[in-house]
Amino acid sequence: MLQYTIRRLLSVIPVMFIVSIIVFLIVHLTPGNPAFLILGEDSSQESIEQLEKQLGLDKPMAVQFFDWIKNILTGDLGQSVYSSEPVSQIIAGHFGPTFSLMLISLLLVLLIAIPTAIFVVWKRNTALDPLFISVSLIGVSIPEFWFAMLLVLGFGVAIPIFPVAGYIPIMEGVFNWLYHLFLPAFVLASVEVGLVARMLRDGMLESVNQDYTRTARAKGIKENSVLMKHVFSNALIPTTTVIGTTVAGLLGGTVIIETMFTIPGIGQLLIDSIHRRDYPVIQGVVLFIAGIYVLVNLLVDLLYAFLDPRIRYD
């Protein structure tokens, strides 16, 4: 297990290097001059060139890239061209709201998807099964921004139950923290819950009539125990993979949802930085998101060995 973990961690290096190249090229080849945006339309060409030299934007792209990589290897993501703050400090200051939103969304996904899938398998071969498939397809197909606007109009304007903007840290009260994040978290969860529930239901249906389940029933074990101890546990492997991709989907979805609900997280930071052409922050945020995605995939792979004793990493 340790050797496999070390190999996987080493394999992260070329992946992150390729991601850094793609991010750097996309950011720097996009039209827009940060120096011009900072100084404004009335600035002279001399002042723009002076600020570009000060920010290092006058250097060739290859030199800028390798300077950026060299700083990353020392733990330095650079400084914001807009506020001159360290990028790592800016990301750390915005990660709390994003992590809170992802945590609540993931809990909602698990609390809704797992019981629903188990109940549908228990009531298999009834009218509930095609109804579940239809609802899950609708949930996966609904655009997040459209569903968010419906919830804002319904539960924020017409029936003002939940706040539609702002963020309250958990230190100021768990209830207020949950109250302000429930609506955006529900939007994120609604897109992913259908996928997780559908995968768990399909995995359980594949196991429900296997030889070991028939043997368990022949021994007099009740159907509920068969579903939970034998069928559900064997369906966890593919479901865990989907949950891992769900975490990445939730992180990507925060870019839209945080902007719509005015949550000062990583997603809103990325959108604001794109508008300001804040190259170091954009590069740092995308690299940070890619790192989390790779780390989640690694944790999911390691979790397989705990879920299924037959899996060994030698």
Foldseek 3Di string as FASTA:
>chain_A
DVVVLVVLVVVVVVVLVVVLVVLLCVLVVDDDQLLCLQVDPPDDPVSSVVLCVVVVVVDDSVVVSVVCVVCVVVVFLAAWSRPRHGLVVLQVVFAQLLVLLLVLLLVVLCVPQVVVLLVCLVVDPDPVVVVLLVQLVVLQPDDLVVVLVVCCCVCCPPNVPADQADADGCVVDVVRRCRNNVSLSVSLNSNLSSVLNVQQNVQLVVFCPDPVLVVCVVVVDDPVCSSPVPSNLRSVLVSLVSSLVSSLSSSVVCLVSCVRRVRRHLNVQLVVCSVSSRSSNNSVSSSVSVVVSSVSVSVSVVCVCVSDVVDDDD
